Amino acid sequence: MTLQVFDPTHEMKSAGIAQAARPSTLEGKTVGIITNGKEGTKRYFTLVDRMLREQLGVAEVVWRQKKNYSAPAEAEIIDEARRWHAAVTGVGD
């Protein structure tokens, strides 16, 4: 029997967009949560919100919900996110 392993990485070159610098701490910072609005996200992100505030000293947690759970975040959410120090996003069912 032969086992064939495929490399799942995409071979295209990157778009040339640099990742944002990571803050050394989240204490006193603003963190955004972008949710897809599905049922499973509310309880999860509520816990993340509490942990960010209580354990990491985050000053403000901003919640935003996409209008369409299967589409990218709307331009107004992305524009607002530029003012946050960090963002958390995820999916849930």
C-alpha atoms as a PDB file:
ATOM      1  CA  MET A   1       0.000   0.000   0.000  1.00  0.00           C
ATOM      2  CA  THR A   2       1.287   3.448  -0.940  1.00  0.00           C
ATOM      3  CA  LEU A   3       0.448   6.523   1.088  1.00  0.00           C
ATOM      4  CA  GLN A   4       0.374   9.738  -0.908  1.00  0.00           C
ATOM      5  CA  VAL A   5       0.621  13.018   1.038  1.00  0.00           C
ATOM      6  CA  PHE A   6      -0.456  16.299  -0.537  1.00  0.00           C
ATOM      7  CA  ASP A   7       0.891  19.716   0.385  1.00  0.00           C
ATOM      8  CA  PRO A   8      -2.167  21.904   1.099  1.00  0.00           C
ATOM      9  CA  THR A   9      -0.347  25.219   0.777  1.00  0.00           C
ATOM     10  CA  HIS A  10      -1.280  27.568  -2.012  1.00  0.00           C
ATOM     11  CA  GLU A  11       1.475  28.210  -4.524  1.00  0.00           C
ATOM     12  CA  MET A  12       0.480  31.739  -5.505  1.00  0.00           C
ATOM     13  CA  LYS A  13       2.621  34.603  -4.317  1.00  0.00           C
ATOM     14  CA  SER A  14       1.336  36.770  -1.505  1.00  0.00           C
ATOM     15  CA  ALA A  15      -0.512  39.964  -2.291  1.00  0.00           C
ATOM     16  CA  GLY A  16       2.315  41.956  -0.736  1.00  0.00           C
ATOM     17  CA  ILE A  17       0.288  43.042   2.265  1.00  0.00           C
ATOM     18  CA  ALA A  18       2.270  43.182   5.472  1.00  0.00           C
ATOM     19  CA  GLN A  19       0.704  41.934   8.672  1.00  0.00           C
ATOM     20  CA  ALA A  20       0.009  44.560  11.304  1.00  0.00           C
ATOM     21  CA  ALA A  21       2.500  44.809  14.138  1.00  0.00           C
ATOM     22  CA  ARG A  22       1.422  42.907  17.231  1.00  0.00           C
ATOM     23  CA  PRO A  23       1.161  44.922  20.438  1.00  0.00           C
ATOM     24  CA  SER A  24       3.453  43.770  23.240  1.00  0.00           C
ATOM     25  CA  THR A  25       0.511  43.955  25.642  1.00  0.00           C
ATOM     26  CA  LEU A  26      -3.249  44.382  25.436  1.00  0.00           C
ATOM     27  CA  GLU A  27      -3.440  46.241  28.743  1.00  0.00           C
ATOM     28  CA  GLY A  28      -5.299  49.512  28.258  1.00  0.00           C
ATOM     29  CA  LYS A  29      -5.963  48.757  24.590  1.00  0.00           C
ATOM     30  CA  THR A  30      -9.090  48.438  22.453  1.00  0.00           C
ATOM     31  CA  VAL A  31      -9.870  45.008  21.014  1.00  0.00           C
ATOM     32  CA  GLY A  32     -12.586  44.360  18.465  1.00  0.00           C
ATOM     33  CA  ILE A  33     -14.638  41.204  18.166  1.00  0.00           C
ATOM     34  CA  ILE A  34     -16.070  40.471  14.726  1.00  0.00           C
ATOM     35  CA  THR A  35     -18.719  37.788  14.897  1.00  0.00           C
ATOM     36  CA  ASN A  36     -20.569  36.018  12.129  1.00  0.00           C
ATOM     37  CA  GLY A  37     -23.729  36.153  14.236  1.00  0.00           C
ATOM     38  CA  LYS A  38     -24.324  32.429  14.376  1.00  0.00           C
ATOM     39  CA  GLU A  39     -25.745  30.908  17.529  1.00  0.00           C
ATOM     40  CA  GLY A  40     -22.489  29.422  18.794  1.00  0.00           C
ATOM     41  CA  THR A  41     -20.524  32.664  18.770  1.00  0.00           C
ATOM     42  CA  LYS A  42     -22.335  34.704  21.422  1.00  0.00           C
ATOM     43  CA  ARG A  43     -21.478  32.553  24.424  1.00  0.00           C
ATOM     44  CA  TYR A  44     -17.932  31.971  23.187  1.00  0.00           C
ATOM     45  CA  PHE A  45     -17.174  35.629  22.504  1.00  0.00           C
ATOM     46  CA  THR A  46     -18.795  36.659  25.796  1.00  0.00           C
ATOM     47  CA  LEU A  47     -16.199  34.490  27.531  1.00  0.00           C
ATOM     48  CA  VAL A  48     -13.413  35.927  25.346  1.00  0.00           C
ATOM     49  CA  ASP A  49     -14.630  39.446  26.185  1.00  0.00           C
ATOM     50  CA  ARG A  50     -14.514  38.719  29.912  1.00  0.00           C
ATOM     51  CA  MET A  51     -11.060  37.139  29.688  1.00  0.00           C
ATOM     52  CA  LEU A  52      -9.702  40.083  27.691  1.00  0.00           C
ATOM     53  CA  ARG A  53     -10.922  42.542  30.311  1.00  0.00           C
ATOM     54  CA  GLU A  54     -10.205  40.576  33.500  1.00  0.00           C
ATOM     55  CA  GLN A  55      -7.017  38.712  32.617  1.00  0.00           C
ATOM     56  CA  LEU A  56      -5.345  40.969  30.058  1.00  0.00           C
ATOM     57  CA  GLY A  57      -6.517  44.403  31.210  1.00  0.00           C
ATOM     58  CA  VAL A  58      -8.137  45.406  27.915  1.00  0.00           C
ATOM     59  CA  ALA A  59      -9.770  48.817  28.318  1.00  0.00           C
ATOM     60  CA  GLU A  60     -12.497  48.411  25.709  1.00  0.00           C
ATOM     61  CA  VAL A  61     -13.966  45.514  23.753  1.00  0.00           C
ATOM     62  CA  VAL A  62     -15.956  46.502  20.660  1.00  0.00           C
ATOM     63  CA  TRP A  63     -18.421  43.993  19.213  1.00  0.00           C
ATOM     64  CA  ARG A  64     -19.386  44.034  15.536  1.00  0.00           C
ATOM     65  CA  GLN A  65     -21.515  41.524  13.653  1.00  0.00           C
ATOM     66  CA  LYS A  66     -21.255  40.847   9.956  1.00  0.00           C
ATOM     67  CA  LYS A  67     -24.513  41.155   8.001  1.00  0.00           C
ATOM     68  CA  ASN A  68     -23.872  37.926   6.113  1.00  0.00           C
ATOM     69  CA  TYR A  69     -22.262  35.099   8.044  1.00  0.00           C
ATOM     70  CA  SER A  70     -20.641  33.573   4.956  1.00  0.00           C
ATOM     71  CA  ALA A  71     -19.236  36.777   3.441  1.00  0.00           C
ATOM     72  CA  PRO A  72     -16.247  38.913   4.418  1.00  0.00           C
ATOM     73  CA  ALA A  73     -16.806  41.717   6.914  1.00  0.00           C
ATOM     74  CA  GLU A  74     -18.317  44.860   5.445  1.00  0.00           C
ATOM     75  CA  ALA A  75     -16.086  47.806   4.552  1.00  0.00           C
ATOM     76  CA  GLU A  76     -17.395  49.893   7.480  1.00  0.00           C
ATOM     77  CA  ILE A  77     -16.328  47.178   9.950  1.00  0.00           C
ATOM     78  CA  ILE A  78     -12.894  46.936   8.338  1.00  0.00           C
ATOM     79  CA  ASP A  79     -12.509  50.726   8.414  1.00  0.00           C
ATOM     80  CA  GLU A  80     -13.452  50.818  12.098  1.00  0.00           C
ATOM     81  CA  ALA A  81     -11.067  47.948  12.853  1.00  0.00           C
ATOM     82  CA  ARG A  82      -8.145  50.111  11.751  1.00  0.00           C
ATOM     83  CA  ARG A  83      -8.608  52.047  15.018  1.00  0.00           C
ATOM     84  CA  TRP A  84      -8.459  48.926  17.202  1.00  0.00           C
ATOM     85  CA  HIS A  85      -5.219  47.615  18.634  1.00  0.00           C
ATOM     86  CA  ALA A  86      -6.232  43.986  17.967  1.00  0.00           C
ATOM     87  CA  ALA A  87      -9.164  41.998  16.642  1.00  0.00           C
ATOM     88  CA  VAL A  88     -10.675  38.594  17.311  1.00  0.00           C
ATOM     89  CA  THR A  89     -12.874  36.886  14.764  1.00  0.00           C
ATOM     90  CA  GLY A  90     -14.347  33.458  14.424  1.00  0.00           C
ATOM     91  CA  VAL A  91     -17.250  31.333  13.413  1.00  0.00           C
ATOM     92  CA  GLY A  92     -19.801  29.334  15.324  1.00  0.00           C
ATOM     93  CA  ASP A  93     -22.826  27.218  14.719  1.00  0.00           C
END
